[in-house]
Every structure is written in C-alpha cells, then in structure tokens.
Amino acid sequence: MGNCLTCFREPQLRALEDTTVYKEGMRISESQSSLANNTSTARAGDNSFLSDSNIISNGNHLSLHPSEQDIEQISVAATNVNRLYSSYQQKRYQTKSASIMGLTESKPSDMKLAQLFDIYKDDQEDCILAEGIEQLCKDLQLSPDEFKVLILAWKLNAEQMCRFTRSEFINGLKKMRVDTIKGVQVRLPEYAKEVSNDAEQFKDLYRFTFKFGLDSGSGQRILPSDMAISLWKLVFTVREPPILQRWLRFLENHPTIRGIPRDTWNMFLNFSETINNDLSTYDDNEAWPSLFDDFVEYENDQTNQNVAIKSKECEQMLFESTE
C-alpha cells in the first residue's frame, strides 16, 4: 500500500487550558480556596486581638468572629464546591481517556476520515478492495474472516464483500463516532457484546449477512450453499443454536442443494429458536420452507437408523453372551 498506520500520526490534543472543562475547573478551584480560607478564619475564634464587641467584616458579609450558623453555612457551601470539583475531575479524566482511545463525543474529523480512507483505497478505484481490506484487518490486529470484521462491515452497511466505498467507510465511522484505527479497535468489542446480548441487534446483523454475501454486481439473489455455510458459521460465532451443526452437516451431505434463498436464510433464525433440538415440535403443515421439511425428514431417518443399529448391536451382544 506504500503507507501504514505507524506513519499516520494523530494531531496533538489541544492543551486543557483552552477547553471549557479546564476553565470550569479553574473557577471551581478558586472557589474552593476562597471558601477554605473563610472556613479556616471563621474557626479561629479565639484570636486575642478580637473582642466580642469589635467584629471585623471580611468583605463577603462574613464576620471574622462568626456565629455557629455562619460556620455551618460555610461548611455546607464548601461541601457543595468539593462535590462540583470532583465531578469536574471525573469529566476531565473521561475526556482525556476518550481522546487517547480515539473516541470522540464531538463530530469525527472529516479530514482524518478522508486521510484514513486514502491509506487503504485502491490505486485505480475510489474504493477499499481486497488488498486494502486485508491491510486494514492487519492494522486492526484481526483476521479477515473474524466475526469482528463482519461487525465492521455491518456498521459500515457495506453492499458487498471485499469492497468498502468511500461513503460507506466515512459515513460508517462517523456513526461509530471514531476517526482512528484505535477508535475502531475499541468500538468493535462493544458491538460484539451488544449483538451477543440483544436479540434484535443480532437479528439485524443476521439479515445483513445474507445481503453482504451476495455478489450484487452480478445481480445474484441466492447464496451458493458453500458461501451460506461459511456465513452461518461466522454469524453464529455468538448465539449459536443447538441445531446449527446438524443443519450444516445436512447441507454438506446434499451437494444437490445449490443455493439458499433469502426467505430460507431469514426463517432459519426463527426455526432454530422455536424448534426443539429433537425436532419433535416441528410441524410440516406450517409455512416453513420445503428445505426444512427435507432436513427434518433426513434427521429423523438418521435417528431411526441409529436406533436400528444400536438395537442390532444389543441383540448381537446378547447372542454372544449366551454362547
């Protein structure tokens, strides 16, 4: 590619003195110091040069020989300022941590996103193609066939494999609120956890995966069986249903099944979530794709054959034991 991300340096963070957060902190610190001085002075009630009849004001309408009520008011005010200062310190830490990780609460930089895209884009076409995606995965410390790469494609809303357009890449990272490789690395595990715990998020990813696997350039509308098998294995890296391996084995043992249409793909998720592992709750009178009928019949035949084989083995063992 000619460039790598070790050469892509981020602009230095602006000094905290230029930020609203810093100025707020300075204001709070000054208030803290003032209140602390007032409290300290107020509690020094036994100074020899003060008398009960000679009370001196400090300019804030607080007597240098205050009453217990004055001291209590100062103490409450100091407590409130301390709480505000603690909140400021936490906000400052979170802002600094987010910046270090490449995350941003503000709008990601268009310039940085364009520069990042240009690192990986093809020399002849304004897209990131197979070679660029391979380098991107390497910089993300991921294998191209990892689940997190599928999540990245989903978040970019990529139309097809091995191809990220400029708009997909830039707009996708904007929605992720990142503009650096470091930021992407932080976000992907978060999204992986979300789809693992959220059924609706997983359903969205699952349906995207079918579209992602199609060769949209050629107008393909059915996934080849081998591609479907690979994508089922990938998308079910999380939330794998108990029936999955038997389903994939059925497809592998029936090479005459040339492809998987969209409705079969989509309905398999519902099928895997509602049908018992022993298939006893399957009703072929319901509106399931015919391929599911074939699968259930195949599995039942396999089960019956296994029962017959085990029965014959038992008979043989009994016969041998009586000899």
C-alpha atoms as a PDB file:
ATOM      1  CA  MET A   1       0.000   0.000   0.000  1.00  0.00           C
ATOM      2  CA  GLY A   2       3.001   2.295   0.459  1.00  0.00           C
ATOM      3  CA  ASN A   3       1.745   3.591   3.809  1.00  0.00           C
ATOM      4  CA  CYS A   4       0.925   2.049   7.140  1.00  0.00           C
ATOM      5  CA  LEU A   5      -0.706   3.357  10.243  1.00  0.00           C
ATOM      6  CA  THR A   6       2.605   3.541  12.097  1.00  0.00           C
ATOM      7  CA  CYS A   7       3.241   6.599   9.919  1.00  0.00           C
ATOM      8  CA  PHE A   8      -0.234   8.054  10.366  1.00  0.00           C
ATOM      9  CA  ARG A   9       0.053  10.327  13.351  1.00  0.00           C
ATOM     10  CA  GLU A  10      -2.849  11.994  15.053  1.00  0.00           C
ATOM     11  CA  PRO A  11      -2.703  15.759  15.749  1.00  0.00           C
ATOM     12  CA  GLN A  12      -1.685  16.544  19.313  1.00  0.00           C
ATOM     13  CA  LEU A  13      -4.540  17.153  21.701  1.00  0.00           C
ATOM     14  CA  ARG A  14      -5.249  20.793  22.452  1.00  0.00           C
ATOM     15  CA  ALA A  15      -3.959  21.941  25.804  1.00  0.00           C
ATOM     16  CA  LEU A  16      -6.538  21.616  28.508  1.00  0.00           C
ATOM     17  CA  GLU A  17      -6.117  25.342  29.243  1.00  0.00           C
ATOM     18  CA  ASP A  18      -8.021  26.080  26.013  1.00  0.00           C
ATOM     19  CA  THR A  19     -11.025  23.967  26.918  1.00  0.00           C
ATOM     20  CA  THR A  20     -14.217  24.841  28.724  1.00  0.00           C
ATOM     21  CA  VAL A  21     -13.605  21.933  31.070  1.00  0.00           C
ATOM     22  CA  TYR A  22     -10.285  23.419  32.204  1.00  0.00           C
ATOM     23  CA  LYS A  23     -11.690  26.890  32.715  1.00  0.00           C
ATOM     24  CA  GLU A  24     -14.541  25.426  34.726  1.00  0.00           C
ATOM     25  CA  GLY A  25     -12.023  23.591  36.869  1.00  0.00           C
ATOM     26  CA  MET A  26     -10.009  26.757  37.499  1.00  0.00           C
ATOM     27  CA  ARG A  27     -13.155  28.579  38.593  1.00  0.00           C
ATOM     28  CA  ILE A  28     -14.063  25.762  40.984  1.00  0.00           C
ATOM     29  CA  SER A  29     -10.508  25.651  42.382  1.00  0.00           C
ATOM     30  CA  GLU A  30     -10.612  29.380  43.125  1.00  0.00           C
ATOM     31  CA  SER A  31     -13.967  28.959  44.874  1.00  0.00           C
ATOM     32  CA  GLN A  32     -12.525  26.098  46.892  1.00  0.00           C
ATOM     33  CA  SER A  33      -9.565  28.194  48.016  1.00  0.00           C
ATOM     34  CA  SER A  34     -11.766  31.137  48.972  1.00  0.00           C
ATOM     35  CA  LEU A  35     -14.177  29.016  50.985  1.00  0.00           C
ATOM     36  CA  ALA A  36     -11.353  27.133  52.649  1.00  0.00           C
ATOM     37  CA  ASN A  37      -9.782  30.425  53.770  1.00  0.00           C
ATOM     38  CA  ASN A  38     -13.114  31.693  55.066  1.00  0.00           C
ATOM     39  CA  THR A  39     -13.749  28.480  56.969  1.00  0.00           C
ATOM     40  CA  SER A  40     -10.256  28.490  58.456  1.00  0.00           C
ATOM     41  CA  THR A  41     -10.568  32.115  59.505  1.00  0.00           C
ATOM     42  CA  ALA A  42     -14.050  31.603  60.905  1.00  0.00           C
ATOM     43  CA  ARG A  43     -12.903  28.803  63.149  1.00  0.00           C
ATOM     44  CA  ALA A  44     -10.051  30.845  64.577  1.00  0.00           C
ATOM     45  CA  GLY A  45     -12.459  32.406  67.079  1.00  0.00           C
ATOM     46  CA  ASP A  46     -10.003  32.725  69.940  1.00  0.00           C
ATOM     47  CA  ASN A  47      -7.664  35.348  68.413  1.00  0.00           C
ATOM     48  CA  SER A  48      -6.532  37.629  71.228  1.00  0.00           C
ATOM     49  CA  PHE A  49      -6.816  40.885  69.264  1.00  0.00           C
ATOM     50  CA  LEU A  50     -10.569  40.339  68.582  1.00  0.00           C
ATOM     51  CA  SER A  51     -13.235  41.153  71.108  1.00  0.00           C
ATOM     52  CA  ASP A  52     -16.917  40.285  71.151  1.00  0.00           C
ATOM     53  CA  SER A  53     -17.745  43.942  70.651  1.00  0.00           C
ATOM     54  CA  ASN A  54     -15.255  44.602  67.842  1.00  0.00           C
ATOM     55  CA  ILE A  55     -16.321  42.435  64.855  1.00  0.00           C
ATOM     56  CA  ILE A  56     -14.499  42.947  61.563  1.00  0.00           C
ATOM     57  CA  SER A  57     -16.103  42.138  58.175  1.00  0.00           C
ATOM     58  CA  ASN A  58     -14.066  40.303  55.533  1.00  0.00           C
ATOM     59  CA  GLY A  59     -15.904  41.917  52.626  1.00  0.00           C
ATOM     60  CA  ASN A  60     -18.173  38.939  51.986  1.00  0.00           C
ATOM     61  CA  HIS A  61     -20.547  39.849  54.814  1.00  0.00           C
ATOM     62  CA  LEU A  62     -18.992  37.104  56.919  1.00  0.00           C
ATOM     63  CA  SER A  63     -17.801  38.093  60.337  1.00  0.00           C
ATOM     64  CA  LEU A  64     -14.295  37.165  61.418  1.00  0.00           C
ATOM     65  CA  HIS A  65     -15.926  36.215  64.698  1.00  0.00           C
ATOM     66  CA  PRO A  66     -18.917  34.330  63.260  1.00  0.00           C
ATOM     67  CA  SER A  67     -21.774  32.545  64.889  1.00  0.00           C
ATOM     68  CA  GLU A  68     -22.252  28.780  64.735  1.00  0.00           C
ATOM     69  CA  GLN A  69     -24.872  29.339  62.000  1.00  0.00           C
ATOM     70  CA  ASP A  70     -22.295  31.195  59.868  1.00  0.00           C
ATOM     71  CA  ILE A  71     -19.812  28.347  60.249  1.00  0.00           C
ATOM     72  CA  GLU A  72     -22.446  25.784  59.301  1.00  0.00           C
ATOM     73  CA  GLN A  73     -23.374  27.740  56.140  1.00  0.00           C
ATOM     74  CA  ILE A  74     -19.730  27.950  55.108  1.00  0.00           C
ATOM     75  CA  SER A  75     -19.270  24.222  55.713  1.00  0.00           C
ATOM     76  CA  VAL A  76     -22.293  23.349  53.532  1.00  0.00           C
ATOM     77  CA  ALA A  77     -21.047  25.624  50.748  1.00  0.00           C
ATOM     78  CA  ALA A  78     -17.585  24.061  50.906  1.00  0.00           C
ATOM     79  CA  THR A  79     -19.100  20.571  50.662  1.00  0.00           C
ATOM     80  CA  ASN A  80     -21.054  21.573  47.550  1.00  0.00           C
ATOM     81  CA  VAL A  81     -17.962  23.022  45.903  1.00  0.00           C
ATOM     82  CA  ASN A  82     -15.991  19.867  46.686  1.00  0.00           C
ATOM     83  CA  ARG A  83     -18.663  17.765  45.016  1.00  0.00           C
ATOM     84  CA  LEU A  84     -18.627  20.015  41.948  1.00  0.00           C
ATOM     85  CA  TYR A  85     -14.842  19.823  41.800  1.00  0.00           C
ATOM     86  CA  SER A  86     -14.926  16.014  41.997  1.00  0.00           C
ATOM     87  CA  SER A  87     -17.410  15.986  39.122  1.00  0.00           C
ATOM     88  CA  TYR A  88     -15.081  18.226  37.115  1.00  0.00           C
ATOM     89  CA  GLN A  89     -12.107  15.943  37.765  1.00  0.00           C
ATOM     90  CA  GLN A  90     -14.091  12.910  36.622  1.00  0.00           C
ATOM     91  CA  LYS A  91     -15.256  14.720  33.485  1.00  0.00           C
ATOM     92  CA  ARG A  92     -11.684  15.770  32.744  1.00  0.00           C
ATOM     93  CA  TYR A  93     -10.432  12.193  33.139  1.00  0.00           C
ATOM     94  CA  GLN A  94     -13.173  10.785  30.898  1.00  0.00           C
ATOM     95  CA  THR A  95     -12.469  13.379  28.200  1.00  0.00           C
ATOM     96  CA  LYS A  96      -8.755  12.603  28.270  1.00  0.00           C
ATOM     97  CA  SER A  97      -9.320   8.822  28.238  1.00  0.00           C
ATOM     98  CA  ALA A  98     -11.737   9.017  25.306  1.00  0.00           C
ATOM     99  CA  SER A  99      -9.264  11.107  23.320  1.00  0.00           C
ATOM    100  CA  ILE A 100      -6.425   8.669  23.968  1.00  0.00           C
ATOM    101  CA  MET A 101      -8.589   5.746  22.769  1.00  0.00           C
ATOM    102  CA  GLY A 102      -9.511   7.560  19.562  1.00  0.00           C
ATOM    103  CA  LEU A 103     -13.122   8.099  20.629  1.00  0.00           C
ATOM    104  CA  THR A 104     -14.839  11.421  20.397  1.00  0.00           C
ATOM    105  CA  GLU A 105     -18.052  12.858  21.774  1.00  0.00           C
ATOM    106  CA  SER A 106     -17.906  15.585  19.135  1.00  0.00           C
ATOM    107  CA  LYS A 107     -18.213  15.102  15.394  1.00  0.00           C
ATOM    108  CA  PRO A 108     -15.371  12.964  13.971  1.00  0.00           C
ATOM    109  CA  SER A 109     -12.924  14.851  11.782  1.00  0.00           C
ATOM    110  CA  ASP A 110     -13.800  14.725   8.066  1.00  0.00           C
ATOM    111  CA  MET A 111     -10.163  15.348   7.222  1.00  0.00           C
ATOM    112  CA  LYS A 112      -8.914  12.473   9.371  1.00  0.00           C
ATOM    113  CA  LEU A 113     -11.560  10.123   7.980  1.00  0.00           C
ATOM    114  CA  ALA A 114     -10.596  11.033   4.407  1.00  0.00           C
ATOM    115  CA  GLN A 115      -6.912  10.503   5.201  1.00  0.00           C
ATOM    116  CA  LEU A 116      -7.679   7.150   6.800  1.00  0.00           C
ATOM    117  CA  PHE A 117      -9.695   6.024   3.775  1.00  0.00           C
ATOM    118  CA  ASP A 118      -6.921   7.095   1.385  1.00  0.00           C
ATOM    119  CA  ILE A 119      -4.425   4.866   3.191  1.00  0.00           C
ATOM    120  CA  TYR A 120      -6.352   1.743   2.208  1.00  0.00           C
ATOM    121  CA  LYS A 121      -8.096   2.678  -1.038  1.00  0.00           C
ATOM    122  CA  ASP A 122      -7.210   1.087  -4.349  1.00  0.00           C
ATOM    123  CA  ASP A 123      -4.875   2.962  -6.707  1.00  0.00           C
ATOM    124  CA  GLN A 124      -7.248   2.624  -9.653  1.00  0.00           C
ATOM    125  CA  GLU A 125     -10.646   2.841  -7.976  1.00  0.00           C
ATOM    126  CA  ASP A 126     -12.036   5.060  -5.220  1.00  0.00           C
ATOM    127  CA  CYS A 127     -12.863   2.048  -3.035  1.00  0.00           C
ATOM    128  CA  ILE A 128     -11.118  -0.135  -0.497  1.00  0.00           C
ATOM    129  CA  LEU A 129     -10.801  -3.509  -2.216  1.00  0.00           C
ATOM    130  CA  ALA A 130      -9.466  -6.908  -1.133  1.00  0.00           C
ATOM    131  CA  GLU A 131      -5.844  -5.812  -0.697  1.00  0.00           C
ATOM    132  CA  GLY A 132      -6.780  -2.704   1.262  1.00  0.00           C
ATOM    133  CA  ILE A 133      -9.223  -4.603   3.465  1.00  0.00           C
ATOM    134  CA  GLU A 134      -6.522  -7.157   4.204  1.00  0.00           C
ATOM    135  CA  GLN A 135      -4.188  -4.354   5.315  1.00  0.00           C
ATOM    136  CA  LEU A 136      -6.982  -2.724   7.317  1.00  0.00           C
ATOM    137  CA  CYS A 137      -7.592  -6.007   9.138  1.00  0.00           C
ATOM    138  CA  LYS A 138      -3.877  -6.333   9.794  1.00  0.00           C
ATOM    139  CA  ASP A 139      -3.763  -2.854  11.333  1.00  0.00           C
ATOM    140  CA  LEU A 140      -6.826  -3.716  13.416  1.00  0.00           C
ATOM    141  CA  GLN A 141      -4.996  -6.880  14.505  1.00  0.00           C
ATOM    142  CA  LEU A 142      -7.796  -9.038  13.115  1.00  0.00           C
ATOM    143  CA  SER A 143      -8.029 -11.914  10.677  1.00  0.00           C
ATOM    144  CA  PRO A 144     -10.218 -11.085   7.632  1.00  0.00           C
ATOM    145  CA  ASP A 145     -12.529 -13.996   8.462  1.00  0.00           C
ATOM    146  CA  GLU A 146     -13.135 -12.945  12.090  1.00  0.00           C
ATOM    147  CA  PHE A 147     -16.562 -12.137  13.490  1.00  0.00           C
ATOM    148  CA  LYS A 148     -15.498  -8.570  14.331  1.00  0.00           C
ATOM    149  CA  VAL A 149     -14.764  -7.905  10.656  1.00  0.00           C
ATOM    150  CA  LEU A 150     -18.338  -8.917   9.845  1.00  0.00           C
ATOM    151  CA  ILE A 151     -19.499  -6.475  12.529  1.00  0.00           C
ATOM    152  CA  LEU A 152     -17.381  -3.728  10.958  1.00  0.00           C
ATOM    153  CA  ALA A 153     -18.938  -4.403   7.541  1.00  0.00           C
ATOM    154  CA  TRP A 154     -22.374  -4.299   9.178  1.00  0.00           C
ATOM    155  CA  LYS A 155     -21.657  -0.965  10.851  1.00  0.00           C
ATOM    156  CA  LEU A 156     -20.385   0.408   7.526  1.00  0.00           C
ATOM    157  CA  ASN A 157     -23.501  -1.014   5.835  1.00  0.00           C
ATOM    158  CA  ALA A 158     -21.254  -2.437   3.112  1.00  0.00           C
ATOM    159  CA  GLU A 159     -23.079  -3.618   0.000  1.00  0.00           C
ATOM    160  CA  GLN A 160     -20.735  -6.494  -0.780  1.00  0.00           C
ATOM    161  CA  MET A 161     -17.682  -8.409   0.374  1.00  0.00           C
ATOM    162  CA  CYS A 162     -14.142  -7.207  -0.277  1.00  0.00           C
ATOM    163  CA  ARG A 163     -15.312  -3.703  -1.112  1.00  0.00           C
ATOM    164  CA  PHE A 164     -15.849  -0.599   1.014  1.00  0.00           C
ATOM    165  CA  THR A 165     -16.853   2.531  -0.881  1.00  0.00           C
ATOM    166  CA  ARG A 166     -15.717   5.950   0.299  1.00  0.00           C
ATOM    167  CA  SER A 167     -19.202   6.893   1.501  1.00  0.00           C
ATOM    168  CA  GLU A 168     -19.673   3.543   3.292  1.00  0.00           C
ATOM    169  CA  PHE A 169     -16.349   3.858   5.092  1.00  0.00           C
ATOM    170  CA  ILE A 170     -16.560   7.523   6.096  1.00  0.00           C
ATOM    171  CA  ASN A 171     -20.260   7.602   6.987  1.00  0.00           C
ATOM    172  CA  GLY A 172     -19.979   4.306   8.858  1.00  0.00           C
ATOM    173  CA  LEU A 173     -17.100   5.511  11.030  1.00  0.00           C
ATOM    174  CA  LYS A 174     -18.970   8.748  11.686  1.00  0.00           C
ATOM    175  CA  LYS A 175     -21.898   6.756  13.052  1.00  0.00           C
ATOM    176  CA  MET A 176     -19.429   4.790  15.176  1.00  0.00           C
ATOM    177  CA  ARG A 177     -18.065   8.169  16.418  1.00  0.00           C
ATOM    178  CA  VAL A 178     -14.470   7.286  15.612  1.00  0.00           C
ATOM    179  CA  ASP A 179     -11.883   8.612  13.191  1.00  0.00           C
ATOM    180  CA  THR A 180      -8.843   6.471  14.041  1.00  0.00           C
ATOM    181  CA  ILE A 181      -7.856   2.812  13.914  1.00  0.00           C
ATOM    182  CA  LYS A 182      -7.527   2.885  17.700  1.00  0.00           C
ATOM    183  CA  GLY A 183     -11.118   4.046  17.978  1.00  0.00           C
ATOM    184  CA  VAL A 184     -12.373   1.236  15.735  1.00  0.00           C
ATOM    185  CA  GLN A 185     -10.460  -1.286  17.854  1.00  0.00           C
ATOM    186  CA  VAL A 186     -12.255  -0.019  20.956  1.00  0.00           C
ATOM    187  CA  ARG A 187     -15.721   0.006  19.387  1.00  0.00           C
ATOM    188  CA  LEU A 188     -15.781  -3.464  17.786  1.00  0.00           C
ATOM    189  CA  PRO A 189     -15.726  -5.471  21.058  1.00  0.00           C
ATOM    190  CA  GLU A 190     -18.529  -3.241  22.353  1.00  0.00           C
ATOM    191  CA  TYR A 191     -20.694  -4.037  19.324  1.00  0.00           C
ATOM    192  CA  ALA A 192     -19.848  -7.741  19.584  1.00  0.00           C
ATOM    193  CA  LYS A 193     -21.117  -7.727  23.153  1.00  0.00           C
ATOM    194  CA  GLU A 194     -24.276  -5.880  22.117  1.00  0.00           C
ATOM    195  CA  VAL A 195     -25.269  -8.390  19.426  1.00  0.00           C
ATOM    196  CA  SER A 196     -24.481 -11.241  21.802  1.00  0.00           C
ATOM    197  CA  ASN A 197     -26.907  -9.881  24.403  1.00  0.00           C
ATOM    198  CA  ASP A 198     -29.553  -8.196  22.252  1.00  0.00           C
ATOM    199  CA  ALA A 199     -31.796 -10.409  20.087  1.00  0.00           C
ATOM    200  CA  GLU A 200     -32.974  -7.531  17.884  1.00  0.00           C
ATOM    201  CA  GLN A 201     -29.436  -6.326  17.216  1.00  0.00           C
ATOM    202  CA  PHE A 202     -28.396  -9.867  16.343  1.00  0.00           C
ATOM    203  CA  LYS A 203     -31.382 -10.249  14.023  1.00  0.00           C
ATOM    204  CA  ASP A 204     -30.330  -7.101  12.170  1.00  0.00           C
ATOM    205  CA  LEU A 205     -26.761  -8.392  11.831  1.00  0.00           C
ATOM    206  CA  TYR A 206     -28.040 -11.812  10.741  1.00  0.00           C
ATOM    207  CA  ARG A 207     -30.194 -10.388   7.949  1.00  0.00           C
ATOM    208  CA  PHE A 208     -27.406  -8.068   6.833  1.00  0.00           C
ATOM    209  CA  THR A 209     -25.088 -11.071   6.489  1.00  0.00           C
ATOM    210  CA  PHE A 210     -27.175 -12.600   3.694  1.00  0.00           C
ATOM    211  CA  LYS A 211     -27.092  -9.388   1.665  1.00  0.00           C
ATOM    212  CA  PHE A 212     -23.390  -8.965   2.361  1.00  0.00           C
ATOM    213  CA  GLY A 213     -22.632 -12.426   0.961  1.00  0.00           C
ATOM    214  CA  LEU A 214     -24.355 -11.827  -2.373  1.00  0.00           C
ATOM    215  CA  ASP A 215     -22.457 -10.768  -5.459  1.00  0.00           C
ATOM    216  CA  SER A 216     -24.616  -7.717  -6.045  1.00  0.00           C
ATOM    217  CA  GLY A 217     -22.570  -6.694  -9.064  1.00  0.00           C
ATOM    218  CA  SER A 218     -23.818  -9.718 -10.990  1.00  0.00           C
ATOM    219  CA  GLY A 219     -27.368  -9.414  -9.679  1.00  0.00           C
ATOM    220  CA  GLN A 220     -27.071 -12.560  -7.551  1.00  0.00           C
ATOM    221  CA  ARG A 221     -30.157 -13.224  -5.406  1.00  0.00           C
ATOM    222  CA  ILE A 222     -29.410 -16.682  -3.971  1.00  0.00           C
ATOM    223  CA  LEU A 223     -26.409 -17.545  -1.815  1.00  0.00           C
ATOM    224  CA  PRO A 224     -24.383 -20.523  -3.060  1.00  0.00           C
ATOM    225  CA  SER A 225     -24.564 -23.303  -0.473  1.00  0.00           C
ATOM    226  CA  ASP A 226     -20.859 -23.237   0.341  1.00  0.00           C
ATOM    227  CA  MET A 227     -20.985 -19.474   0.915  1.00  0.00           C
ATOM    228  CA  ALA A 228     -24.131 -19.822   3.051  1.00  0.00           C
ATOM    229  CA  ILE A 229     -22.475 -22.497   5.192  1.00  0.00           C
ATOM    230  CA  SER A 230     -19.430 -20.285   5.764  1.00  0.00           C
ATOM    231  CA  LEU A 231     -21.567 -17.283   6.661  1.00  0.00           C
ATOM    232  CA  TRP A 232     -23.772 -19.282   9.023  1.00  0.00           C
ATOM    233  CA  LYS A 233     -20.650 -20.428  10.856  1.00  0.00           C
ATOM    234  CA  LEU A 234     -19.394 -16.848  11.016  1.00  0.00           C
ATOM    235  CA  VAL A 235     -22.550 -15.043  12.103  1.00  0.00           C
ATOM    236  CA  PHE A 236     -23.295 -17.687  14.741  1.00  0.00           C
ATOM    237  CA  THR A 237     -19.953 -17.056  16.419  1.00  0.00           C
ATOM    238  CA  VAL A 238     -22.312 -15.730  19.097  1.00  0.00           C
ATOM    239  CA  ARG A 239     -25.776 -17.061  19.959  1.00  0.00           C
ATOM    240  CA  GLU A 240     -25.147 -20.397  18.217  1.00  0.00           C
ATOM    241  CA  PRO A 241     -28.332 -22.519  18.228  1.00  0.00           C
ATOM    242  CA  PRO A 242     -28.021 -26.192  19.274  1.00  0.00           C
ATOM    243  CA  ILE A 243     -29.323 -27.345  15.898  1.00  0.00           C
ATOM    244  CA  LEU A 244     -26.762 -25.460  13.796  1.00  0.00           C
ATOM    245  CA  GLN A 245     -24.128 -28.173  13.344  1.00  0.00           C
ATOM    246  CA  ARG A 246     -26.718 -30.751  12.275  1.00  0.00           C
ATOM    247  CA  TRP A 247     -28.173 -28.273   9.781  1.00  0.00           C
ATOM    248  CA  LEU A 248     -24.773 -27.540   8.276  1.00  0.00           C
ATOM    249  CA  ARG A 249     -23.940 -31.237   8.097  1.00  0.00           C
ATOM    250  CA  PHE A 250     -27.213 -31.823   6.226  1.00  0.00           C
ATOM    251  CA  LEU A 251     -26.291 -29.164   3.660  1.00  0.00           C
ATOM    252  CA  GLU A 252     -22.772 -30.540   3.249  1.00  0.00           C
ATOM    253  CA  ASN A 253     -24.123 -34.065   2.699  1.00  0.00           C
ATOM    254  CA  HIS A 254     -26.527 -32.884  -0.002  1.00  0.00           C
ATOM    255  CA  PRO A 255     -24.493 -31.210  -2.755  1.00  0.00           C
ATOM    256  CA  THR A 256     -27.605 -31.100  -4.944  1.00  0.00           C
ATOM    257  CA  ILE A 257     -28.773 -28.166  -2.822  1.00  0.00           C
ATOM    258  CA  ARG A 258     -27.279 -25.427  -4.944  1.00  0.00           C
ATOM    259  CA  GLY A 259     -28.249 -22.323  -3.022  1.00  0.00           C
ATOM    260  CA  ILE A 260     -30.100 -20.639  -0.172  1.00  0.00           C
ATOM    261  CA  PRO A 261     -32.743 -18.007  -0.999  1.00  0.00           C
ATOM    262  CA  ARG A 262     -33.346 -15.017   1.251  1.00  0.00           C
ATOM    263  CA  ASP A 263     -36.555 -16.317   2.847  1.00  0.00           C
ATOM    264  CA  THR A 264     -34.895 -19.619   3.800  1.00  0.00           C
ATOM    265  CA  TRP A 265     -31.961 -17.734   5.307  1.00  0.00           C
ATOM    266  CA  ASN A 266     -34.202 -15.376   7.278  1.00  0.00           C
ATOM    267  CA  MET A 267     -36.562 -18.098   8.503  1.00  0.00           C
ATOM    268  CA  PHE A 268     -33.749 -20.349   9.696  1.00  0.00           C
ATOM    269  CA  LEU A 269     -33.184 -17.957  12.595  1.00  0.00           C
ATOM    270  CA  ASN A 270     -36.804 -18.356  13.687  1.00  0.00           C
ATOM    271  CA  PHE A 271     -36.659 -22.098  13.016  1.00  0.00           C
ATOM    272  CA  SER A 272     -33.564 -22.525  15.180  1.00  0.00           C
ATOM    273  CA  GLU A 273     -35.113 -20.542  18.042  1.00  0.00           C
ATOM    274  CA  THR A 274     -38.529 -22.247  18.110  1.00  0.00           C
ATOM    275  CA  ILE A 275     -37.929 -25.904  17.190  1.00  0.00           C
ATOM    276  CA  ASN A 276     -36.739 -28.293  19.904  1.00  0.00           C
ATOM    277  CA  ASN A 277     -33.384 -29.926  19.472  1.00  0.00           C
ATOM    278  CA  ASP A 278     -35.059 -33.323  18.937  1.00  0.00           C
ATOM    279  CA  LEU A 279     -37.293 -31.729  16.235  1.00  0.00           C
ATOM    280  CA  SER A 280     -40.410 -33.069  17.968  1.00  0.00           C
ATOM    281  CA  THR A 281     -42.147 -29.687  17.811  1.00  0.00           C
ATOM    282  CA  TYR A 282     -41.708 -29.316  14.063  1.00  0.00           C
ATOM    283  CA  ASP A 283     -44.992 -29.221  12.136  1.00  0.00           C
ATOM    284  CA  ASP A 284     -44.635 -29.675   8.386  1.00  0.00           C
ATOM    285  CA  ASN A 285     -48.123 -28.215   7.919  1.00  0.00           C
ATOM    286  CA  GLU A 286     -46.824 -24.817   8.950  1.00  0.00           C
ATOM    287  CA  ALA A 287     -45.430 -22.410   6.363  1.00  0.00           C
ATOM    288  CA  TRP A 288     -41.786 -23.465   6.614  1.00  0.00           C
ATOM    289  CA  PRO A 289     -39.553 -23.581   3.521  1.00  0.00           C
ATOM    290  CA  SER A 290     -39.545 -27.040   1.923  1.00  0.00           C
ATOM    291  CA  LEU A 291     -35.836 -27.358   2.666  1.00  0.00           C
ATOM    292  CA  PHE A 292     -36.684 -27.532   6.370  1.00  0.00           C
ATOM    293  CA  ASP A 293     -39.064 -30.428   5.649  1.00  0.00           C
ATOM    294  CA  ASP A 294     -36.216 -32.244   3.924  1.00  0.00           C
ATOM    295  CA  PHE A 295     -33.883 -31.544   6.828  1.00  0.00           C
ATOM    296  CA  VAL A 296     -36.307 -32.864   9.453  1.00  0.00           C
ATOM    297  CA  GLU A 297     -37.013 -35.969   7.395  1.00  0.00           C
ATOM    298  CA  TYR A 298     -33.282 -36.574   6.954  1.00  0.00           C
ATOM    299  CA  GLU A 299     -32.643 -36.165  10.677  1.00  0.00           C
ATOM    300  CA  ASN A 300     -35.494 -38.499  11.595  1.00  0.00           C
ATOM    301  CA  ASP A 301     -34.170 -41.113   9.182  1.00  0.00           C
ATOM    302  CA  GLN A 302     -30.726 -40.756  10.712  1.00  0.00           C
ATOM    303  CA  THR A 303     -32.195 -41.167  14.182  1.00  0.00           C
ATOM    304  CA  ASN A 304     -34.181 -44.258  13.171  1.00  0.00           C
ATOM    305  CA  GLN A 305     -31.126 -45.775  11.535  1.00  0.00           C
ATOM    306  CA  ASN A 306     -29.078 -45.159  14.652  1.00  0.00           C
ATOM    307  CA  VAL A 307     -31.771 -46.781  16.779  1.00  0.00           C
ATOM    308  CA  ALA A 308     -31.878 -49.806  14.462  1.00  0.00           C
ATOM    309  CA  ILE A 309     -28.081 -50.136  14.501  1.00  0.00           C
ATOM    310  CA  LYS A 310     -27.937 -49.910  18.291  1.00  0.00           C
ATOM    311  CA  SER A 311     -30.745 -52.460  18.580  1.00  0.00           C
ATOM    312  CA  LYS A 312     -28.910 -54.881  16.316  1.00  0.00           C
ATOM    313  CA  GLU A 313     -25.693 -54.387  18.308  1.00  0.00           C
ATOM    314  CA  CYS A 314     -27.539 -55.169  21.530  1.00  0.00           C
ATOM    315  CA  GLU A 315     -29.013 -58.334  20.023  1.00  0.00           C
ATOM    316  CA  GLN A 316     -25.569 -59.428  18.882  1.00  0.00           C
ATOM    317  CA  MET A 317     -24.112 -58.846  22.342  1.00  0.00           C
ATOM    318  CA  LEU A 318     -26.911 -60.860  23.964  1.00  0.00           C
ATOM    319  CA  PHE A 319     -26.429 -63.696  21.496  1.00  0.00           C
ATOM    320  CA  GLU A 320     -22.684 -63.817  22.140  1.00  0.00           C
ATOM    321  CA  SER A 321     -23.181 -63.812  25.903  1.00  0.00           C
ATOM    322  CA  THR A 322     -25.473 -66.884  25.751  1.00  0.00           C
ATOM    323  CA  GLU A 323     -22.997 -68.982  23.803  1.00  0.00           C
END
